[in-house]
Amino acid sequence: MVMSKQDKTDYKRKFNEENYSRVGLYLKEDVKKALDAHRAKTGESMNALINRAIMEIIKNETSCCDNDVFGTIPNYSGTAIYALVDDQGKKYIGSSTDLKRRLLFHASHVKTLLRDGNDGFLCSKMQEAILAGRKFRVEVLEMLPSEISKEELNNKEYYWLEKEGGLEATYNMKPIKQMYCQPGDILEHVEERK
């Protein structure tokens, strides 16, 4: 059966309505000219170029960097409970009032470990796993309000540690209450390592 021109148009319209969302867009003339020039180089349609640009922005704003051991590190600087999960599912449970900073801190210690074969900050179980070639991914277990108390944060971390099987089943080596330190302690530790 041969479709008429109107049938083809109706079919395309119905398909687009079912599969796409239409978004209106106003561009300044100089921006439109720049996009047209770029499209001429790449051969992309305006729609494809804008969709690609949007996805790049989302990717860049939701991850701050990639790391050989941890993979993509979330670009989230709030308070959270997190897990570093190895390729076999075993986890390290941690908490931070600045997740991005804490994960970058971990990543810097991984670099030291891989370079020197030892690191004074990472627990020995994690060091062994990393040196054995284990890869980890970051999992945000719970985002928390910034005004949470230190005690509540510890309780949340303890809850997640116990939920994952406690010290025996995770890379964690010390009970939460013993692990807790004052904010300045980490900075002092960093200064000592310089």
N, C-alpha and C. Protein backbone atom coordinates (compact mmCIF):
# COMPACT_ATOMS: atom_id res chain seq x y z
N MET A 1 0.82 -1.18 0.00
CA MET A 1 0.00 0.00 0.00
C MET A 1 0.88 1.25 0.00
N VAL A 2 0.62 2.16 -0.85
CA VAL A 2 1.36 3.40 -0.99
C VAL A 2 0.69 4.45 -0.11
N MET A 3 1.52 5.11 0.70
CA MET A 3 0.96 6.14 1.59
C MET A 3 0.90 7.47 0.85
N SER A 4 -0.16 8.20 1.07
CA SER A 4 -0.28 9.53 0.49
C SER A 4 0.66 10.48 1.24
N LYS A 5 0.92 11.63 0.69
CA LYS A 5 1.77 12.63 1.32
C LYS A 5 1.20 13.03 2.68
N GLN A 6 -0.12 13.19 2.75
CA GLN A 6 -0.77 13.55 4.02
C GLN A 6 -0.62 12.43 5.04
N ASP A 7 -0.75 11.17 4.62
CA ASP A 7 -0.60 10.03 5.53
C ASP A 7 0.83 9.98 6.08
N LYS A 8 1.81 10.24 5.24
CA LYS A 8 3.21 10.25 5.68
C LYS A 8 3.43 11.36 6.72
N THR A 9 2.87 12.53 6.42
CA THR A 9 3.00 13.65 7.35
C THR A 9 2.34 13.33 8.69
N ASP A 10 1.14 12.76 8.65
CA ASP A 10 0.43 12.38 9.86
C ASP A 10 1.20 11.32 10.64
N TYR A 11 1.77 10.35 9.92
CA TYR A 11 2.55 9.29 10.56
C TYR A 11 3.77 9.89 11.30
N LYS A 12 4.51 10.77 10.62
CA LYS A 12 5.69 11.40 11.23
C LYS A 12 5.30 12.24 12.45
N ARG A 13 4.20 13.00 12.32
CA ARG A 13 3.73 13.83 13.43
C ARG A 13 3.38 12.95 14.64
N LYS A 14 2.63 11.86 14.40
CA LYS A 14 2.24 10.97 15.49
C LYS A 14 3.48 10.33 16.14
N PHE A 15 4.42 9.87 15.30
CA PHE A 15 5.65 9.27 15.82
C PHE A 15 6.41 10.27 16.69
N ASN A 16 6.57 11.51 16.22
CA ASN A 16 7.30 12.53 16.98
C ASN A 16 6.60 12.87 18.29
N GLU A 17 5.28 12.95 18.27
CA GLU A 17 4.53 13.24 19.50
C GLU A 17 4.70 12.14 20.53
N GLU A 18 4.79 10.90 20.08
CA GLU A 18 4.92 9.76 21.00
C GLU A 18 6.34 9.56 21.51
N ASN A 19 7.34 10.06 20.78
CA ASN A 19 8.73 9.75 21.12
C ASN A 19 9.59 10.95 21.51
N TYR A 20 9.11 12.15 21.34
CA TYR A 20 9.92 13.33 21.61
C TYR A 20 9.12 14.38 22.37
N SER A 21 9.84 15.25 23.06
CA SER A 21 9.24 16.43 23.68
C SER A 21 9.70 17.63 22.88
N ARG A 22 8.80 18.49 22.57
CA ARG A 22 9.13 19.68 21.79
C ARG A 22 9.44 20.82 22.75
N VAL A 23 10.56 21.50 22.50
CA VAL A 23 11.00 22.60 23.33
C VAL A 23 11.28 23.80 22.41
N GLY A 24 10.64 24.92 22.69
CA GLY A 24 10.90 26.13 21.92
C GLY A 24 12.21 26.75 22.36
N LEU A 25 12.91 27.40 21.45
CA LEU A 25 14.21 27.96 21.77
C LEU A 25 14.41 29.27 21.03
N TYR A 26 14.77 30.31 21.75
CA TYR A 26 15.08 31.59 21.13
C TYR A 26 16.59 31.78 21.19
N LEU A 27 17.20 32.12 20.05
CA LEU A 27 18.64 32.34 19.99
C LEU A 27 18.91 33.75 19.50
N LYS A 28 19.92 34.37 20.07
CA LYS A 28 20.38 35.65 19.52
C LYS A 28 20.98 35.36 18.15
N GLU A 29 20.93 36.33 17.28
CA GLU A 29 21.38 36.13 15.91
C GLU A 29 22.85 35.70 15.83
N ASP A 30 23.72 36.29 16.67
CA ASP A 30 25.13 35.91 16.63
C ASP A 30 25.35 34.47 17.12
N VAL A 31 24.54 34.02 18.08
CA VAL A 31 24.63 32.64 18.55
C VAL A 31 24.17 31.69 17.44
N LYS A 32 23.10 32.05 16.76
CA LYS A 32 22.59 31.22 15.64
C LYS A 32 23.64 31.10 14.54
N LYS A 33 24.30 32.22 14.22
CA LYS A 33 25.35 32.19 13.18
C LYS A 33 26.51 31.29 13.62
N ALA A 34 26.89 31.37 14.89
CA ALA A 34 27.98 30.52 15.40
C ALA A 34 27.58 29.05 15.34
N LEU A 35 26.34 28.74 15.70
CA LEU A 35 25.86 27.37 15.62
C LEU A 35 25.84 26.87 14.18
N ASP A 36 25.38 27.71 13.27
CA ASP A 36 25.34 27.32 11.85
C ASP A 36 26.74 27.05 11.32
N ALA A 37 27.70 27.90 11.70
CA ALA A 37 29.08 27.70 11.26
C ALA A 37 29.63 26.38 11.81
N HIS A 38 29.34 26.10 13.08
CA HIS A 38 29.79 24.85 13.68
C HIS A 38 29.13 23.64 13.02
N ARG A 39 27.84 23.76 12.76
CA ARG A 39 27.11 22.66 12.11
C ARG A 39 27.66 22.40 10.71
N ALA A 40 28.09 23.45 10.02
CA ALA A 40 28.66 23.28 8.68
C ALA A 40 29.94 22.44 8.75
N LYS A 41 30.70 22.60 9.83
CA LYS A 41 31.93 21.82 10.01
C LYS A 41 31.63 20.38 10.38
N THR A 42 30.66 20.17 11.28
CA THR A 42 30.40 18.83 11.81
C THR A 42 29.37 18.04 11.01
N GLY A 43 28.54 18.77 10.23
CA GLY A 43 27.48 18.08 9.47
C GLY A 43 26.29 17.70 10.32
N GLU A 44 26.23 18.19 11.55
CA GLU A 44 25.11 17.85 12.44
C GLU A 44 23.90 18.74 12.14
N SER A 45 22.75 18.18 12.43
CA SER A 45 21.54 19.00 12.39
C SER A 45 21.55 19.90 13.62
N MET A 46 20.77 20.94 13.60
CA MET A 46 20.65 21.84 14.75
C MET A 46 20.16 21.05 15.96
N ASN A 47 19.20 20.19 15.75
CA ASN A 47 18.64 19.37 16.82
C ASN A 47 19.72 18.47 17.43
N ALA A 48 20.50 17.80 16.59
CA ALA A 48 21.54 16.90 17.09
C ALA A 48 22.61 17.68 17.87
N LEU A 49 22.99 18.85 17.35
CA LEU A 49 24.01 19.66 18.01
C LEU A 49 23.53 20.13 19.39
N ILE A 50 22.32 20.62 19.46
CA ILE A 50 21.78 21.10 20.75
C ILE A 50 21.63 19.94 21.73
N ASN A 51 21.14 18.80 21.27
CA ASN A 51 21.03 17.63 22.16
C ASN A 51 22.39 17.20 22.67
N ARG A 52 23.40 17.17 21.80
CA ARG A 52 24.75 16.78 22.22
C ARG A 52 25.31 17.78 23.24
N ALA A 53 25.09 19.08 22.99
CA ALA A 53 25.58 20.11 23.91
C ALA A 53 24.93 19.96 25.28
N ILE A 54 23.63 19.70 25.30
CA ILE A 54 22.92 19.52 26.57
C ILE A 54 23.47 18.32 27.32
N MET A 55 23.68 17.20 26.63
CA MET A 55 24.19 16.00 27.31
C MET A 55 25.62 16.22 27.83
N GLU A 56 26.44 16.97 27.10
CA GLU A 56 27.80 17.28 27.57
C GLU A 56 27.74 18.13 28.84
N ILE A 57 26.85 19.10 28.87
CA ILE A 57 26.71 19.95 30.06
C ILE A 57 26.28 19.10 31.25
N ILE A 58 25.30 18.23 31.05
CA ILE A 58 24.83 17.37 32.14
C ILE A 58 25.96 16.48 32.62
N LYS A 59 26.70 15.88 31.70
CA LYS A 59 27.80 15.00 32.08
C LYS A 59 28.86 15.77 32.88
N ASN A 60 29.22 16.96 32.41
CA ASN A 60 30.25 17.75 33.09
C ASN A 60 29.81 18.26 34.44
N GLU A 61 28.52 18.51 34.60
CA GLU A 61 28.05 19.05 35.87
C GLU A 61 27.70 17.97 36.89
N THR A 62 27.59 16.73 36.46
CA THR A 62 27.27 15.67 37.41
C THR A 62 28.49 14.83 37.77
N SER A 63 29.60 15.02 37.11
CA SER A 63 30.82 14.33 37.51
C SER A 63 31.96 15.32 37.40
N CYS A 64 32.85 15.28 38.38
CA CYS A 64 33.92 16.28 38.36
C CYS A 64 35.17 15.73 37.72
N CYS A 65 35.35 14.43 37.75
CA CYS A 65 36.55 13.87 37.14
C CYS A 65 36.45 12.35 37.12
N ASP A 66 37.31 11.76 36.33
CA ASP A 66 37.42 10.32 36.29
C ASP A 66 38.73 9.93 36.97
N ASN A 67 38.73 8.78 37.59
CA ASN A 67 39.88 8.30 38.32
C ASN A 67 40.08 6.85 37.93
N ASP A 68 41.32 6.43 37.75
CA ASP A 68 41.60 5.07 37.30
C ASP A 68 41.06 4.01 38.25
N VAL A 69 41.02 4.29 39.54
CA VAL A 69 40.56 3.30 40.51
C VAL A 69 39.08 3.49 40.85
N PHE A 70 38.63 4.74 41.05
CA PHE A 70 37.26 4.99 41.49
C PHE A 70 36.28 5.27 40.35
N GLY A 71 36.75 5.39 39.13
CA GLY A 71 35.83 5.72 38.04
C GLY A 71 35.41 7.18 38.15
N THR A 72 34.17 7.47 37.85
CA THR A 72 33.68 8.84 37.88
C THR A 72 33.35 9.27 39.30
N ILE A 73 33.86 10.43 39.67
CA ILE A 73 33.61 10.99 41.00
C ILE A 73 32.48 12.01 40.88
N PRO A 74 31.40 11.86 41.65
CA PRO A 74 30.27 12.80 41.56
C PRO A 74 30.68 14.22 41.90
N ASN A 75 30.07 15.16 41.21
CA ASN A 75 30.32 16.57 41.46
C ASN A 75 29.29 17.08 42.47
N TYR A 76 29.32 16.52 43.66
CA TYR A 76 28.38 16.88 44.73
C TYR A 76 29.18 17.25 45.96
N SER A 77 29.04 18.50 46.40
CA SER A 77 29.84 18.98 47.53
C SER A 77 29.05 19.04 48.82
N GLY A 78 27.92 18.37 48.89
CA GLY A 78 27.11 18.37 50.09
C GLY A 78 27.46 17.24 51.04
N THR A 79 26.67 17.12 52.08
CA THR A 79 26.85 16.09 53.11
C THR A 79 26.22 14.79 52.62
N ALA A 80 26.94 13.69 52.81
CA ALA A 80 26.42 12.40 52.31
C ALA A 80 27.10 11.23 52.99
N ILE A 81 26.41 10.10 52.93
CA ILE A 81 27.00 8.81 53.25
C ILE A 81 27.31 8.18 51.89
N TYR A 82 28.50 7.62 51.75
CA TYR A 82 28.90 7.06 50.46
C TYR A 82 29.51 5.68 50.64
N ALA A 83 29.61 4.98 49.53
CA ALA A 83 30.29 3.68 49.52
C ALA A 83 31.27 3.68 48.36
N LEU A 84 32.43 3.12 48.59
CA LEU A 84 33.37 2.79 47.52
C LEU A 84 33.19 1.30 47.30
N VAL A 85 32.65 0.93 46.14
CA VAL A 85 32.24 -0.46 45.88
C VAL A 85 33.21 -1.08 44.89
N ASP A 86 33.83 -2.20 45.26
CA ASP A 86 34.77 -2.83 44.33
C ASP A 86 34.04 -3.65 43.28
N ASP A 87 34.79 -4.17 42.33
CA ASP A 87 34.19 -4.89 41.20
C ASP A 87 33.58 -6.23 41.60
N GLN A 88 33.71 -6.62 42.87
CA GLN A 88 33.04 -7.83 43.37
C GLN A 88 31.93 -7.50 44.36
N GLY A 89 31.67 -6.20 44.55
CA GLY A 89 30.57 -5.79 45.41
C GLY A 89 30.92 -5.46 46.85
N LYS A 90 32.17 -5.70 47.25
CA LYS A 90 32.58 -5.37 48.62
C LYS A 90 32.71 -3.86 48.74
N LYS A 91 32.33 -3.31 49.91
CA LYS A 91 32.23 -1.86 50.05
C LYS A 91 33.08 -1.31 51.19
N TYR A 92 33.45 -0.06 51.02
CA TYR A 92 33.96 0.77 52.11
C TYR A 92 32.87 1.81 52.34
N ILE A 93 32.41 1.99 53.56
CA ILE A 93 31.36 2.96 53.89
C ILE A 93 32.00 4.17 54.54
N GLY A 94 31.63 5.35 54.07
CA GLY A 94 32.17 6.58 54.65
C GLY A 94 31.11 7.67 54.67
N SER A 95 31.45 8.76 55.32
CA SER A 95 30.56 9.92 55.36
C SER A 95 31.42 11.17 55.21
N SER A 96 30.78 12.23 54.76
CA SER A 96 31.50 13.49 54.61
C SER A 96 30.52 14.65 54.57
N THR A 97 30.99 15.79 55.05
CA THR A 97 30.20 17.01 54.92
C THR A 97 30.50 17.70 53.59
N ASP A 98 31.48 17.20 52.85
CA ASP A 98 31.80 17.69 51.51
C ASP A 98 32.24 16.49 50.69
N LEU A 99 31.28 15.82 50.07
CA LEU A 99 31.55 14.54 49.41
C LEU A 99 32.61 14.66 48.32
N LYS A 100 32.49 15.64 47.46
CA LYS A 100 33.46 15.79 46.36
C LYS A 100 34.88 15.92 46.91
N ARG A 101 35.04 16.76 47.92
CA ARG A 101 36.37 16.96 48.50
C ARG A 101 36.90 15.67 49.12
N ARG A 102 36.03 14.95 49.82
CA ARG A 102 36.47 13.69 50.45
C ARG A 102 36.90 12.67 49.39
N LEU A 103 36.14 12.56 48.31
CA LEU A 103 36.48 11.58 47.27
C LEU A 103 37.77 11.97 46.54
N LEU A 104 37.96 13.25 46.32
CA LEU A 104 39.22 13.70 45.72
C LEU A 104 40.39 13.43 46.66
N PHE A 105 40.14 13.56 47.96
CA PHE A 105 41.13 13.23 48.98
C PHE A 105 41.51 11.76 48.90
N HIS A 106 40.48 10.88 48.82
CA HIS A 106 40.74 9.44 48.65
C HIS A 106 41.54 9.20 47.38
N ALA A 107 41.13 9.86 46.29
CA ALA A 107 41.80 9.66 45.00
C ALA A 107 43.27 10.05 45.06
N SER A 108 43.58 11.13 45.79
CA SER A 108 44.99 11.55 45.90
C SER A 108 45.79 10.49 46.66
N HIS A 109 45.19 9.86 47.64
CA HIS A 109 45.88 8.81 48.39
C HIS A 109 46.05 7.54 47.55
N VAL A 110 45.11 7.29 46.66
CA VAL A 110 45.26 6.16 45.74
C VAL A 110 46.46 6.40 44.83
N LYS A 111 46.62 7.62 44.35
CA LYS A 111 47.78 7.95 43.50
C LYS A 111 49.08 7.71 44.26
N THR A 112 49.11 8.14 45.53
CA THR A 112 50.30 7.91 46.36
C THR A 112 50.55 6.42 46.51
N LEU A 113 49.51 5.67 46.77
CA LEU A 113 49.63 4.22 46.94
C LEU A 113 50.17 3.56 45.68
N LEU A 114 49.62 3.92 44.54
CA LEU A 114 50.06 3.31 43.28
C LEU A 114 51.49 3.71 42.93
N ARG A 115 51.87 4.92 43.30
CA ARG A 115 53.22 5.40 43.02
C ARG A 115 54.25 4.79 43.97
N ASP A 116 53.91 4.76 45.28
CA ASP A 116 54.89 4.37 46.30
C ASP A 116 54.69 2.96 46.84
N GLY A 117 53.54 2.36 46.56
CA GLY A 117 53.27 1.03 47.09
C GLY A 117 52.77 1.03 48.52
N ASN A 118 52.57 2.21 49.09
CA ASN A 118 52.08 2.32 50.46
C ASN A 118 51.45 3.69 50.64
N ASP A 119 50.49 3.77 51.56
CA ASP A 119 49.84 5.04 51.86
C ASP A 119 49.40 4.99 53.31
N GLY A 120 49.67 6.04 54.06
CA GLY A 120 49.36 6.06 55.48
C GLY A 120 47.92 6.38 55.81
N PHE A 121 47.11 6.73 54.82
CA PHE A 121 45.73 7.12 55.11
C PHE A 121 44.74 6.01 54.80
N LEU A 122 44.85 5.39 53.63
CA LEU A 122 43.90 4.33 53.25
C LEU A 122 44.09 3.12 54.15
N CYS A 123 42.99 2.49 54.53
CA CYS A 123 43.09 1.31 55.39
C CYS A 123 43.80 0.18 54.63
N SER A 124 44.44 -0.71 55.38
CA SER A 124 45.26 -1.75 54.75
C SER A 124 44.44 -2.68 53.86
N LYS A 125 43.18 -2.96 54.22
CA LYS A 125 42.34 -3.84 53.37
C LYS A 125 42.10 -3.19 52.02
N MET A 126 41.87 -1.87 52.00
CA MET A 126 41.67 -1.15 50.73
C MET A 126 42.97 -1.12 49.94
N GLN A 127 44.08 -0.88 50.63
CA GLN A 127 45.38 -0.83 49.94
C GLN A 127 45.65 -2.16 49.23
N GLU A 128 45.43 -3.26 49.93
CA GLU A 128 45.65 -4.58 49.32
C GLU A 128 44.78 -4.78 48.09
N ALA A 129 43.52 -4.38 48.18
CA ALA A 129 42.60 -4.55 47.06
C ALA A 129 43.02 -3.70 45.86
N ILE A 130 43.40 -2.47 46.12
CA ILE A 130 43.81 -1.57 45.03
C ILE A 130 45.09 -2.08 44.37
N LEU A 131 46.07 -2.50 45.18
CA LEU A 131 47.32 -3.02 44.63
C LEU A 131 47.10 -4.34 43.88
N ALA A 132 46.03 -5.06 44.24
CA ALA A 132 45.69 -6.30 43.52
C ALA A 132 44.93 -6.02 42.23
N GLY A 133 44.66 -4.73 41.96
CA GLY A 133 44.01 -4.37 40.70
C GLY A 133 42.51 -4.18 40.77
N ARG A 134 41.95 -4.20 41.97
CA ARG A 134 40.50 -3.98 42.10
C ARG A 134 40.14 -2.58 41.64
N LYS A 135 39.02 -2.47 40.96
CA LYS A 135 38.47 -1.19 40.55
C LYS A 135 37.26 -0.91 41.42
N PHE A 136 37.03 0.34 41.73
CA PHE A 136 35.93 0.74 42.60
C PHE A 136 35.03 1.74 41.87
N ARG A 137 33.79 1.79 42.29
CA ARG A 137 32.89 2.83 41.83
C ARG A 137 32.35 3.54 43.07
N VAL A 138 31.96 4.78 42.90
CA VAL A 138 31.40 5.55 44.00
C VAL A 138 29.90 5.41 43.97
N GLU A 139 29.31 5.16 45.12
CA GLU A 139 27.86 5.05 45.25
C GLU A 139 27.43 5.99 46.37
N VAL A 140 26.59 6.95 46.06
CA VAL A 140 26.06 7.84 47.10
C VAL A 140 24.88 7.11 47.73
N LEU A 141 25.02 6.76 49.00
CA LEU A 141 23.99 5.99 49.69
C LEU A 141 22.88 6.87 50.23
N GLU A 142 23.26 8.05 50.71
CA GLU A 142 22.25 8.94 51.28
C GLU A 142 22.77 10.38 51.29
N MET A 143 22.01 11.29 50.71
CA MET A 143 22.34 12.71 50.79
C MET A 143 21.65 13.26 52.04
N LEU A 144 22.37 14.09 52.77
CA LEU A 144 21.87 14.56 54.06
C LEU A 144 21.89 16.09 54.11
N PRO A 145 21.06 16.67 54.97
CA PRO A 145 21.06 18.14 55.11
C PRO A 145 22.39 18.61 55.70
N SER A 146 22.84 19.76 55.27
CA SER A 146 24.13 20.28 55.73
C SER A 146 24.14 20.58 57.23
N GLU A 147 22.97 20.81 57.80
CA GLU A 147 22.92 21.15 59.23
C GLU A 147 22.90 19.92 60.14
N ILE A 148 23.06 18.73 59.61
CA ILE A 148 23.05 17.51 60.43
C ILE A 148 24.20 17.57 61.44
N SER A 149 23.93 17.10 62.64
CA SER A 149 24.97 17.12 63.68
C SER A 149 25.99 16.02 63.42
N LYS A 150 27.17 16.16 64.01
CA LYS A 150 28.22 15.14 63.86
C LYS A 150 27.74 13.80 64.39
N GLU A 151 27.01 13.84 65.49
CA GLU A 151 26.49 12.60 66.08
C GLU A 151 25.49 11.92 65.14
N GLU A 152 24.59 12.72 64.56
CA GLU A 152 23.62 12.15 63.62
C GLU A 152 24.33 11.58 62.39
N LEU A 153 25.35 12.29 61.91
CA LEU A 153 26.11 11.81 60.76
C LEU A 153 26.79 10.48 61.08
N ASN A 154 27.39 10.40 62.27
CA ASN A 154 28.00 9.13 62.71
C ASN A 154 26.96 8.02 62.79
N ASN A 155 25.80 8.34 63.34
CA ASN A 155 24.74 7.33 63.45
C ASN A 155 24.30 6.84 62.08
N LYS A 156 24.19 7.74 61.11
CA LYS A 156 23.82 7.36 59.75
C LYS A 156 24.90 6.45 59.14
N GLU A 157 26.15 6.84 59.32
CA GLU A 157 27.25 6.03 58.78
C GLU A 157 27.25 4.65 59.44
N TYR A 158 27.05 4.61 60.75
CA TYR A 158 26.99 3.33 61.47
C TYR A 158 25.85 2.47 60.95
N TYR A 159 24.68 3.09 60.71
CA TYR A 159 23.53 2.37 60.17
C TYR A 159 23.90 1.70 58.84
N TRP A 160 24.53 2.47 57.93
CA TRP A 160 24.87 1.93 56.61
C TRP A 160 25.96 0.87 56.73
N LEU A 161 26.90 1.05 57.63
CA LEU A 161 27.95 0.04 57.82
C LEU A 161 27.34 -1.27 58.29
N GLU A 162 26.45 -1.19 59.27
CA GLU A 162 25.80 -2.40 59.77
C GLU A 162 24.92 -3.04 58.69
N LYS A 163 24.24 -2.22 57.91
CA LYS A 163 23.39 -2.72 56.84
C LYS A 163 24.21 -3.52 55.82
N GLU A 164 25.46 -3.13 55.62
CA GLU A 164 26.34 -3.82 54.66
C GLU A 164 27.09 -4.99 55.29
N GLY A 165 26.82 -5.29 56.56
CA GLY A 165 27.44 -6.46 57.18
C GLY A 165 28.52 -6.16 58.20
N GLY A 166 28.71 -4.89 58.52
CA GLY A 166 29.67 -4.53 59.56
C GLY A 166 31.12 -4.62 59.09
N LEU A 167 32.03 -4.58 60.05
CA LEU A 167 33.46 -4.56 59.75
C LEU A 167 33.93 -5.82 59.02
N GLU A 168 33.32 -6.96 59.34
CA GLU A 168 33.75 -8.22 58.74
C GLU A 168 33.46 -8.28 57.24
N ALA A 169 32.39 -7.65 56.79
CA ALA A 169 31.96 -7.76 55.40
C ALA A 169 32.40 -6.58 54.52
N THR A 170 33.01 -5.57 55.12
CA THR A 170 33.38 -4.37 54.37
C THR A 170 34.89 -4.13 54.46
N TYR A 171 35.35 -3.10 53.78
CA TYR A 171 36.74 -2.68 53.89
C TYR A 171 36.99 -1.86 55.14
N ASN A 172 35.94 -1.42 55.81
CA ASN A 172 36.10 -0.62 57.03
C ASN A 172 36.83 -1.44 58.08
N MET A 173 37.68 -0.76 58.88
CA MET A 173 38.49 -1.49 59.85
C MET A 173 38.24 -1.10 61.29
N LYS A 174 37.63 0.07 61.52
CA LYS A 174 37.40 0.54 62.89
C LYS A 174 35.93 0.87 63.06
N PRO A 175 35.41 0.66 64.27
CA PRO A 175 34.03 1.09 64.53
C PRO A 175 33.90 2.59 64.29
N ILE A 176 32.73 3.02 63.90
CA ILE A 176 32.49 4.41 63.55
C ILE A 176 32.91 5.36 64.67
N LYS A 177 32.55 5.08 65.90
CA LYS A 177 32.86 6.00 67.00
C LYS A 177 34.37 6.19 67.14
N GLN A 178 35.17 5.15 66.90
CA GLN A 178 36.62 5.27 66.99
C GLN A 178 37.20 5.97 65.77
N MET A 179 36.51 5.85 64.65
CA MET A 179 37.02 6.46 63.42
C MET A 179 36.82 7.96 63.42
N TYR A 180 35.82 8.45 64.13
CA TYR A 180 35.45 9.85 64.02
C TYR A 180 36.57 10.76 64.49
N CYS A 181 36.84 11.80 63.72
CA CYS A 181 37.84 12.79 64.10
C CYS A 181 37.26 14.18 63.91
N GLN A 182 37.87 15.15 64.51
CA GLN A 182 37.46 16.54 64.35
C GLN A 182 37.87 17.02 62.97
N PRO A 183 37.16 18.01 62.39
CA PRO A 183 37.48 18.49 61.04
C PRO A 183 38.94 18.86 60.85
N GLY A 184 39.58 19.45 61.83
CA GLY A 184 40.98 19.85 61.70
C GLY A 184 41.95 18.69 61.66
N ASP A 185 41.55 17.52 62.20
CA ASP A 185 42.45 16.37 62.24
C ASP A 185 42.90 15.94 60.85
N ILE A 186 41.98 15.93 59.91
CA ILE A 186 42.32 15.52 58.54
C ILE A 186 43.30 16.52 57.94
N LEU A 187 43.05 17.81 58.16
CA LEU A 187 43.95 18.82 57.61
C LEU A 187 45.34 18.70 58.22
N GLU A 188 45.41 18.39 59.53
CA GLU A 188 46.71 18.18 60.17
C GLU A 188 47.41 16.99 59.55
N HIS A 189 46.66 15.94 59.26
CA HIS A 189 47.22 14.73 58.64
C HIS A 189 47.78 15.07 57.25
N VAL A 190 47.04 15.87 56.49
CA VAL A 190 47.48 16.27 55.16
C VAL A 190 48.76 17.09 55.27
N GLU A 191 48.81 18.02 56.23
CA GLU A 191 50.00 18.86 56.40
C GLU A 191 51.21 18.00 56.77
N GLU A 192 51.00 16.97 57.61
CA GLU A 192 52.10 16.08 58.00
C GLU A 192 52.67 15.34 56.81
N ARG A 193 51.82 15.03 55.82
CA ARG A 193 52.26 14.24 54.66
C ARG A 193 53.04 15.06 53.66
N LYS A 194 52.97 16.40 53.75
CA LYS A 194 53.64 17.24 52.75
C LYS A 194 55.13 17.24 52.94
